[in-house]
Amino acid sequence: MRQIVLDTETTGLEPKQGHRIIEIGCVELVDRRLTGNNFHQYLQPDREIDEAAVEVHGITTEFLADKPRFEDVVDDFISYVDGAELIIHNAPFDVGFLNAELEKAGKEEGLLERLCTITDTLVMARKKHPGQRNSLDALCRRYEIDNSQRQLHGALLDSEILADVYLVMTGGQGALSFGGLSGEDSEQGGAAAIRRLTTARKPLRVVRADESECQAHELRLDALDKASGEPCVWRRPGVEIE
């Protein structure tokens, strides 16, 4: 299963007002593991960047002066995302900008949805944590994910952080490291912190219950049966427990 965690930075908030993408950052997951096959590109927008936007991401017009335009990289981008599931926080924002850029580059209207399936982690978080703050920073605090490097927004950094959040939020599995990263735990620690492991990790040892533990388990099930007045779920017909 190929998933692309994606984020963009822009000149402003609304593509209909002529605002453009100035950075695309993508992180690839295959079978819930980071591959290192990322896509990262700064873009020349051919317009000024709103001052409020610069305060958010720190990217200036001068920095982008020698960068390629979206139409220069559009084919590489399409080839990279084609057929993948896109994981995006607040997907309508990024998808709206990307589709606007694709149309400006002469591609079909609404092309991104035809190339990819799209999963919005903001929608997922709101269902999982209703009535709470579900910004990326808030999710990092909730899941004890280290985002101390995120003093400013950046598309690639935010995609890497979102990949960690997504893996924890959808099952607690951290991703394997790549490119020689160490196997040390996140400095933040905590029960929910992600531990990045090397690909040379040995298989986990399976420890099965001994006879005394099995007997204690059966006694516990007897107590549950008595308390509930009916067989507990582990003893109901059709339920197999290994």
C-alpha atoms as a PDB file:
ATOM      1  CA  MET A   1       0.000   0.000   0.000  1.00  0.00           C
ATOM      2  CA  ARG A   2       1.567   3.287  -1.136  1.00  0.00           C
ATOM      3  CA  GLN A   3       0.656   6.454   0.753  1.00  0.00           C
ATOM      4  CA  ILE A   4       1.972   9.974   0.283  1.00  0.00           C
ATOM      5  CA  VAL A   5       1.839  12.385   3.228  1.00  0.00           C
ATOM      6  CA  LEU A   6       1.616  15.811   1.616  1.00  0.00           C
ATOM      7  CA  ASP A   7       1.756  19.454   2.653  1.00  0.00           C
ATOM      8  CA  THR A   8       2.091  22.766   0.821  1.00  0.00           C
ATOM      9  CA  GLU A   9       3.047  26.333   1.655  1.00  0.00           C
ATOM     10  CA  THR A  10       1.446  29.188  -0.274  1.00  0.00           C
ATOM     11  CA  THR A  11       1.569  32.931  -0.894  1.00  0.00           C
ATOM     12  CA  GLY A  12      -1.812  33.385   0.783  1.00  0.00           C
ATOM     13  CA  LEU A  13      -5.073  31.686   1.622  1.00  0.00           C
ATOM     14  CA  GLU A  14      -7.174  31.673  -1.548  1.00  0.00           C
ATOM     15  CA  PRO A  15      -6.221  30.391  -5.027  1.00  0.00           C
ATOM     16  CA  LYS A  16      -9.229  32.203  -6.530  1.00  0.00           C
ATOM     17  CA  GLN A  17      -7.504  35.463  -5.544  1.00  0.00           C
ATOM     18  CA  GLY A  18      -4.401  34.456  -7.489  1.00  0.00           C
ATOM     19  CA  HIS A  19      -2.409  32.993  -4.639  1.00  0.00           C
ATOM     20  CA  ARG A  20       0.084  30.279  -5.566  1.00  0.00           C
ATOM     21  CA  ILE A  21       1.945  27.319  -4.098  1.00  0.00           C
ATOM     22  CA  ILE A  22       5.541  28.077  -3.140  1.00  0.00           C
ATOM     23  CA  GLU A  23       6.553  24.768  -1.546  1.00  0.00           C
ATOM     24  CA  ILE A  24       5.449  21.145  -1.883  1.00  0.00           C
ATOM     25  CA  GLY A  25       6.648  18.518   0.574  1.00  0.00           C
ATOM     26  CA  CYS A  26       5.772  14.831   0.283  1.00  0.00           C
ATOM     27  CA  VAL A  27       6.823  11.811   2.346  1.00  0.00           C
ATOM     28  CA  GLU A  28       6.253   8.297   0.995  1.00  0.00           C
ATOM     29  CA  LEU A  29       4.947   5.430   3.113  1.00  0.00           C
ATOM     30  CA  VAL A  30       4.812   1.874   1.777  1.00  0.00           C
ATOM     31  CA  ASP A  31       3.106  -0.630   4.083  1.00  0.00           C
ATOM     32  CA  ARG A  32       3.205   2.055   6.811  1.00  0.00           C
ATOM     33  CA  ARG A  33       6.978   2.462   6.611  1.00  0.00           C
ATOM     34  CA  LEU A  34       8.952   5.500   5.519  1.00  0.00           C
ATOM     35  CA  THR A  35      10.861   4.747   2.327  1.00  0.00           C
ATOM     36  CA  GLY A  36      12.967   7.901   1.970  1.00  0.00           C
ATOM     37  CA  ASN A  37      11.509   8.419  -1.519  1.00  0.00           C
ATOM     38  CA  ASN A  38      10.342  11.971  -0.804  1.00  0.00           C
ATOM     39  CA  PHE A  39       9.309  14.798  -3.120  1.00  0.00           C
ATOM     40  CA  HIS A  40      10.311  18.326  -2.102  1.00  0.00           C
ATOM     41  CA  GLN A  41      10.241  21.438  -4.245  1.00  0.00           C
ATOM     42  CA  TYR A  42      10.290  25.199  -3.712  1.00  0.00           C
ATOM     43  CA  LEU A  43       8.466  27.127  -6.447  1.00  0.00           C
ATOM     44  CA  GLN A  44       8.647  30.585  -7.998  1.00  0.00           C
ATOM     45  CA  PRO A  45       5.079  31.986  -7.740  1.00  0.00           C
ATOM     46  CA  ASP A  46       5.500  35.058  -9.990  1.00  0.00           C
ATOM     47  CA  ARG A  47       3.796  37.230  -7.395  1.00  0.00           C
ATOM     48  CA  GLU A  48       4.397  38.746  -3.974  1.00  0.00           C
ATOM     49  CA  ILE A  49       3.882  36.699  -0.822  1.00  0.00           C
ATOM     50  CA  ASP A  50       1.444  38.052   1.760  1.00  0.00           C
ATOM     51  CA  GLU A  51       3.222  39.363   4.841  1.00  0.00           C
ATOM     52  CA  ALA A  52       1.027  37.215   7.090  1.00  0.00           C
ATOM     53  CA  ALA A  53       2.045  34.127   5.107  1.00  0.00           C
ATOM     54  CA  VAL A  54       5.749  34.944   5.462  1.00  0.00           C
ATOM     55  CA  GLU A  55       5.248  35.133   9.237  1.00  0.00           C
ATOM     56  CA  VAL A  56       3.882  31.581   9.145  1.00  0.00           C
ATOM     57  CA  HIS A  57       6.431  29.830   6.917  1.00  0.00           C
ATOM     58  CA  GLY A  58       9.338  32.278   6.652  1.00  0.00           C
ATOM     59  CA  ILE A  59       9.702  31.863   2.871  1.00  0.00           C
ATOM     60  CA  THR A  60      10.463  35.121   1.074  1.00  0.00           C
ATOM     61  CA  THR A  61      10.130  36.316  -2.514  1.00  0.00           C
ATOM     62  CA  GLU A  62      13.897  36.782  -2.687  1.00  0.00           C
ATOM     63  CA  PHE A  63      14.527  33.169  -1.664  1.00  0.00           C
ATOM     64  CA  LEU A  64      12.241  31.909  -4.448  1.00  0.00           C
ATOM     65  CA  ALA A  65      13.649  34.135  -7.198  1.00  0.00           C
ATOM     66  CA  ASP A  66      15.738  31.361  -8.807  1.00  0.00           C
ATOM     67  CA  LYS A  67      13.370  28.454  -8.136  1.00  0.00           C
ATOM     68  CA  PRO A  68      11.448  26.619 -10.883  1.00  0.00           C
ATOM     69  CA  ARG A  69       7.781  27.309 -11.610  1.00  0.00           C
ATOM     70  CA  PHE A  70       5.078  24.726 -11.038  1.00  0.00           C
ATOM     71  CA  GLU A  71       4.756  24.009 -14.764  1.00  0.00           C
ATOM     72  CA  ASP A  72       8.448  23.085 -14.772  1.00  0.00           C
ATOM     73  CA  VAL A  73       7.923  20.270 -12.245  1.00  0.00           C
ATOM     74  CA  VAL A  74       4.295  19.313 -12.889  1.00  0.00           C
ATOM     75  CA  ASP A  75       5.065  16.095 -14.769  1.00  0.00           C
ATOM     76  CA  ASP A  76       7.449  14.930 -12.050  1.00  0.00           C
ATOM     77  CA  PHE A  77       4.813  15.702  -9.417  1.00  0.00           C
ATOM     78  CA  ILE A  78       2.064  13.842 -11.285  1.00  0.00           C
ATOM     79  CA  SER A  79       4.317  10.834 -11.791  1.00  0.00           C
ATOM     80  CA  TYR A  80       5.182  10.818  -8.087  1.00  0.00           C
ATOM     81  CA  VAL A  81       1.620  10.937  -6.683  1.00  0.00           C
ATOM     82  CA  ASP A  82      -0.195   8.952  -9.382  1.00  0.00           C
ATOM     83  CA  GLY A  83      -2.150   6.052  -7.881  1.00  0.00           C
ATOM     84  CA  ALA A  84      -1.238   6.789  -4.256  1.00  0.00           C
ATOM     85  CA  GLU A  85      -3.408   7.601  -1.259  1.00  0.00           C
ATOM     86  CA  LEU A  86      -2.696  11.194  -0.237  1.00  0.00           C
ATOM     87  CA  ILE A  87      -2.644  11.853   3.518  1.00  0.00           C
ATOM     88  CA  ILE A  88      -3.249  15.573   4.110  1.00  0.00           C
ATOM     89  CA  HIS A  89      -4.183  17.636   7.176  1.00  0.00           C
ATOM     90  CA  ASN A  90      -7.071  19.915   6.158  1.00  0.00           C
ATOM     91  CA  ALA A  91      -7.098  18.415   2.674  1.00  0.00           C
ATOM     92  CA  PRO A  92      -9.491  20.900   0.968  1.00  0.00           C
ATOM     93  CA  PHE A  93      -6.898  23.671   1.350  1.00  0.00           C
ATOM     94  CA  ASP A  94      -3.986  21.806  -0.256  1.00  0.00           C
ATOM     95  CA  VAL A  95      -6.121  20.009  -2.848  1.00  0.00           C
ATOM     96  CA  GLY A  96      -7.724  23.291  -3.896  1.00  0.00           C
ATOM     97  CA  PHE A  97      -4.331  24.897  -4.453  1.00  0.00           C
ATOM     98  CA  LEU A  98      -2.882  21.865  -6.231  1.00  0.00           C
ATOM     99  CA  ASN A  99      -5.832  21.569  -8.595  1.00  0.00           C
ATOM    100  CA  ALA A 100      -5.577  25.297  -9.356  1.00  0.00           C
ATOM    101  CA  GLU A 101      -1.884  24.877 -10.186  1.00  0.00           C
ATOM    102  CA  LEU A 102      -2.586  21.808 -12.322  1.00  0.00           C
ATOM    103  CA  GLU A 103      -5.183  23.745 -14.315  1.00  0.00           C
ATOM    104  CA  LYS A 104      -2.789  26.659 -14.809  1.00  0.00           C
ATOM    105  CA  ALA A 105      -0.270  24.142 -16.132  1.00  0.00           C
ATOM    106  CA  GLY A 106      -2.773  22.939 -18.739  1.00  0.00           C
ATOM    107  CA  LYS A 107      -3.938  19.785 -16.953  1.00  0.00           C
ATOM    108  CA  GLU A 108      -7.522  18.600 -16.488  1.00  0.00           C
ATOM    109  CA  GLU A 109      -9.863  20.268 -14.012  1.00  0.00           C
ATOM    110  CA  GLY A 110     -10.014  18.404 -10.708  1.00  0.00           C
ATOM    111  CA  LEU A 111      -7.193  16.114 -11.810  1.00  0.00           C
ATOM    112  CA  LEU A 112      -5.794  15.329  -8.363  1.00  0.00           C
ATOM    113  CA  GLU A 113      -8.907  13.447  -7.211  1.00  0.00           C
ATOM    114  CA  ARG A 114      -8.727  11.302 -10.351  1.00  0.00           C
ATOM    115  CA  LEU A 115      -5.069  10.494  -9.809  1.00  0.00           C
ATOM    116  CA  CYS A 116      -5.275   9.729  -6.092  1.00  0.00           C
ATOM    117  CA  THR A 117      -7.522   8.838  -3.196  1.00  0.00           C
ATOM    118  CA  ILE A 118      -7.414  11.520  -0.495  1.00  0.00           C
ATOM    119  CA  THR A 119      -7.558  11.071   3.281  1.00  0.00           C
ATOM    120  CA  ASP A 120      -8.013  14.137   5.492  1.00  0.00           C
ATOM    121  CA  THR A 121      -6.368  13.649   8.883  1.00  0.00           C
ATOM    122  CA  LEU A 122      -8.166  16.710  10.269  1.00  0.00           C
ATOM    123  CA  VAL A 123     -11.505  14.987   9.644  1.00  0.00           C
ATOM    124  CA  MET A 124     -10.127  11.809  11.225  1.00  0.00           C
ATOM    125  CA  ALA A 125      -8.879  13.710  14.278  1.00  0.00           C
ATOM    126  CA  ARG A 126     -12.186  15.530  14.784  1.00  0.00           C
ATOM    127  CA  LYS A 127     -14.040  12.197  14.800  1.00  0.00           C
ATOM    128  CA  LYS A 128     -11.520  10.667  17.177  1.00  0.00           C
ATOM    129  CA  HIS A 129     -11.237  13.703  19.472  1.00  0.00           C
ATOM    130  CA  PRO A 130     -14.511  15.666  19.193  1.00  0.00           C
ATOM    131  CA  GLY A 131     -14.606  19.073  20.845  1.00  0.00           C
ATOM    132  CA  GLN A 132     -10.810  19.259  21.172  1.00  0.00           C
ATOM    133  CA  ARG A 133      -8.113  21.171  19.318  1.00  0.00           C
ATOM    134  CA  ASN A 134      -6.922  19.116  16.375  1.00  0.00           C
ATOM    135  CA  SER A 135      -4.259  21.245  14.748  1.00  0.00           C
ATOM    136  CA  LEU A 136      -1.028  19.457  13.869  1.00  0.00           C
ATOM    137  CA  ASP A 137       0.695  21.009  16.899  1.00  0.00           C
ATOM    138  CA  ALA A 138      -2.178  19.940  19.173  1.00  0.00           C
ATOM    139  CA  LEU A 139      -2.010  16.375  17.856  1.00  0.00           C
ATOM    140  CA  CYS A 140       1.741  16.303  18.449  1.00  0.00           C
ATOM    141  CA  ARG A 141       1.171  17.272  22.072  1.00  0.00           C
ATOM    142  CA  ARG A 142      -1.622  14.707  22.454  1.00  0.00           C
ATOM    143  CA  TYR A 143       0.442  11.863  20.998  1.00  0.00           C
ATOM    144  CA  GLU A 144       3.762  13.004  22.511  1.00  0.00           C
ATOM    145  CA  ILE A 145       5.463  13.472  19.149  1.00  0.00           C
ATOM    146  CA  ASP A 146       8.523  15.707  19.097  1.00  0.00           C
ATOM    147  CA  ASN A 147       7.902  18.752  16.894  1.00  0.00           C
ATOM    148  CA  SER A 148      10.479  20.987  18.556  1.00  0.00           C
ATOM    149  CA  GLN A 149      12.075  21.738  15.166  1.00  0.00           C
ATOM    150  CA  ARG A 150       8.806  23.276  13.952  1.00  0.00           C
ATOM    151  CA  GLN A 151       9.345  26.931  14.842  1.00  0.00           C
ATOM    152  CA  LEU A 152       8.029  27.851  11.384  1.00  0.00           C
ATOM    153  CA  HIS A 153       5.799  25.890   9.031  1.00  0.00           C
ATOM    154  CA  GLY A 154       7.596  24.037   6.251  1.00  0.00           C
ATOM    155  CA  ALA A 155       5.989  21.647   3.792  1.00  0.00           C
ATOM    156  CA  LEU A 156       8.500  18.797   4.071  1.00  0.00           C
ATOM    157  CA  LEU A 157       8.941  19.062   7.842  1.00  0.00           C
ATOM    158  CA  ASP A 158       5.184  19.221   8.367  1.00  0.00           C
ATOM    159  CA  SER A 159       4.736  16.151   6.147  1.00  0.00           C
ATOM    160  CA  GLU A 160       7.287  14.224   8.200  1.00  0.00           C
ATOM    161  CA  ILE A 161       5.531  15.224  11.439  1.00  0.00           C
ATOM    162  CA  LEU A 162       2.108  14.405   9.995  1.00  0.00           C
ATOM    163  CA  ALA A 163       3.380  10.954   8.962  1.00  0.00           C
ATOM    164  CA  ASP A 164       4.255  10.270  12.608  1.00  0.00           C
ATOM    165  CA  VAL A 165       0.876  11.594  13.791  1.00  0.00           C
ATOM    166  CA  TYR A 166      -1.008   9.532  11.194  1.00  0.00           C
ATOM    167  CA  LEU A 167       0.778   6.302  12.120  1.00  0.00           C
ATOM    168  CA  VAL A 168       0.035   6.764  15.820  1.00  0.00           C
ATOM    169  CA  MET A 169      -3.538   7.919  15.250  1.00  0.00           C
ATOM    170  CA  THR A 170      -4.332   4.914  13.054  1.00  0.00           C
ATOM    171  CA  GLY A 171      -2.865   2.206  15.195  1.00  0.00           C
ATOM    172  CA  GLY A 172       0.173   3.315  17.158  1.00  0.00           C
ATOM    173  CA  GLN A 173       2.750   1.911  14.768  1.00  0.00           C
ATOM    174  CA  GLY A 174       5.812   4.090  14.324  1.00  0.00           C
ATOM    175  CA  ALA A 175       7.623   4.101  11.015  1.00  0.00           C
ATOM    176  CA  LEU A 176      11.005   2.544  10.382  1.00  0.00           C
ATOM    177  CA  SER A 177      13.835   4.976   9.889  1.00  0.00           C
ATOM    178  CA  PHE A 178      15.843   5.415   6.716  1.00  0.00           C
ATOM    179  CA  GLY A 179      19.059   6.998   5.532  1.00  0.00           C
ATOM    180  CA  GLY A 180      21.165   5.997   8.524  1.00  0.00           C
ATOM    181  CA  LEU A 181      18.976   7.505  11.232  1.00  0.00           C
ATOM    182  CA  SER A 182      19.707   6.152  14.682  1.00  0.00           C
ATOM    183  CA  GLY A 183      17.359   3.759  16.428  1.00  0.00           C
ATOM    184  CA  GLU A 184      17.086   5.856  19.539  1.00  0.00           C
ATOM    185  CA  ASP A 185      13.757   6.845  21.016  1.00  0.00           C
ATOM    186  CA  SER A 186      12.294  10.270  20.467  1.00  0.00           C
ATOM    187  CA  GLU A 187      13.804  12.680  22.964  1.00  0.00           C
ATOM    188  CA  GLN A 188      10.334  13.486  24.242  1.00  0.00           C
ATOM    189  CA  GLY A 189       9.823   9.881  25.398  1.00  0.00           C
ATOM    190  CA  GLY A 190       6.468   8.890  26.849  1.00  0.00           C
ATOM    191  CA  ALA A 191       4.291   5.857  26.256  1.00  0.00           C
ATOM    192  CA  ALA A 192       2.920   7.182  22.984  1.00  0.00           C
ATOM    193  CA  ALA A 193       6.212   8.500  21.613  1.00  0.00           C
ATOM    194  CA  ILE A 194       7.349   7.047  18.327  1.00  0.00           C
ATOM    195  CA  ARG A 195      10.493   4.949  18.377  1.00  0.00           C
ATOM    196  CA  ARG A 196      12.368   5.012  15.089  1.00  0.00           C
ATOM    197  CA  LEU A 197      13.997   1.673  14.395  1.00  0.00           C
ATOM    198  CA  THR A 198      16.651   0.597  11.959  1.00  0.00           C
ATOM    199  CA  THR A 199      15.815  -1.820   9.159  1.00  0.00           C
ATOM    200  CA  ALA A 200      18.288  -4.284  10.751  1.00  0.00           C
ATOM    201  CA  ARG A 201      15.957  -4.830  13.703  1.00  0.00           C
ATOM    202  CA  LYS A 202      15.762  -8.495  14.785  1.00  0.00           C
ATOM    203  CA  PRO A 203      12.383 -10.306  14.721  1.00  0.00           C
ATOM    204  CA  LEU A 204      10.396  -9.932  17.924  1.00  0.00           C
ATOM    205  CA  ARG A 205      10.548 -12.921  20.278  1.00  0.00           C
ATOM    206  CA  VAL A 206       7.151 -14.560  20.894  1.00  0.00           C
ATOM    207  CA  VAL A 207       6.612 -15.497  24.544  1.00  0.00           C
ATOM    208  CA  ARG A 208       3.648 -17.843  25.092  1.00  0.00           C
ATOM    209  CA  ALA A 209       1.792 -18.339  28.362  1.00  0.00           C
ATOM    210  CA  ASP A 210       2.925 -21.300  30.477  1.00  0.00           C
ATOM    211  CA  GLU A 211       0.551 -23.781  32.139  1.00  0.00           C
ATOM    212  CA  SER A 212       0.181 -21.824  35.382  1.00  0.00           C
ATOM    213  CA  GLU A 213      -0.641 -18.638  33.491  1.00  0.00           C
ATOM    214  CA  CYS A 214      -3.256 -20.461  31.411  1.00  0.00           C
ATOM    215  CA  GLN A 215      -4.846 -21.806  34.600  1.00  0.00           C
ATOM    216  CA  ALA A 216      -4.925 -18.303  36.095  1.00  0.00           C
ATOM    217  CA  HIS A 217      -6.538 -17.044  32.889  1.00  0.00           C
ATOM    218  CA  GLU A 218      -9.263 -19.696  33.105  1.00  0.00           C
ATOM    219  CA  LEU A 219      -9.968 -18.761  36.721  1.00  0.00           C
ATOM    220  CA  ARG A 220     -10.325 -15.141  35.661  1.00  0.00           C
ATOM    221  CA  LEU A 221     -12.785 -16.132  32.923  1.00  0.00           C
ATOM    222  CA  ASP A 222     -14.772 -18.159  35.490  1.00  0.00           C
ATOM    223  CA  ALA A 223     -15.074 -15.011  37.602  1.00  0.00           C
ATOM    224  CA  LEU A 224     -16.225 -12.971  34.601  1.00  0.00           C
ATOM    225  CA  ASP A 225     -18.843 -15.613  33.729  1.00  0.00           C
ATOM    226  CA  LYS A 226     -20.164 -15.538  37.291  1.00  0.00           C
ATOM    227  CA  ALA A 227     -20.282 -11.747  37.468  1.00  0.00           C
ATOM    228  CA  SER A 228     -22.097 -11.353  34.144  1.00  0.00           C
ATOM    229  CA  GLY A 229     -24.409 -14.356  34.409  1.00  0.00           C
ATOM    230  CA  GLU A 230     -23.403 -15.597  30.960  1.00  0.00           C
ATOM    231  CA  PRO A 231     -20.296 -16.806  29.165  1.00  0.00           C
ATOM    232  CA  CYS A 232     -17.796 -14.027  28.584  1.00  0.00           C
ATOM    233  CA  VAL A 233     -16.827 -13.151  25.010  1.00  0.00           C
ATOM    234  CA  TRP A 234     -13.810 -15.474  24.982  1.00  0.00           C
ATOM    235  CA  ARG A 235     -16.071 -18.483  25.685  1.00  0.00           C
ATOM    236  CA  ARG A 236     -18.896 -17.739  23.306  1.00  0.00           C
ATOM    237  CA  PRO A 237     -19.473 -20.145  20.385  1.00  0.00           C
ATOM    238  CA  GLY A 238     -17.610 -19.223  17.237  1.00  0.00           C
ATOM    239  CA  VAL A 239     -14.948 -17.152  19.027  1.00  0.00           C
ATOM    240  CA  GLU A 240     -11.459 -18.585  18.607  1.00  0.00           C
ATOM    241  CA  ILE A 241      -8.636 -17.324  20.791  1.00  0.00           C
ATOM    242  CA  GLU A 242      -5.089 -18.363  19.946  1.00  0.00           C
END
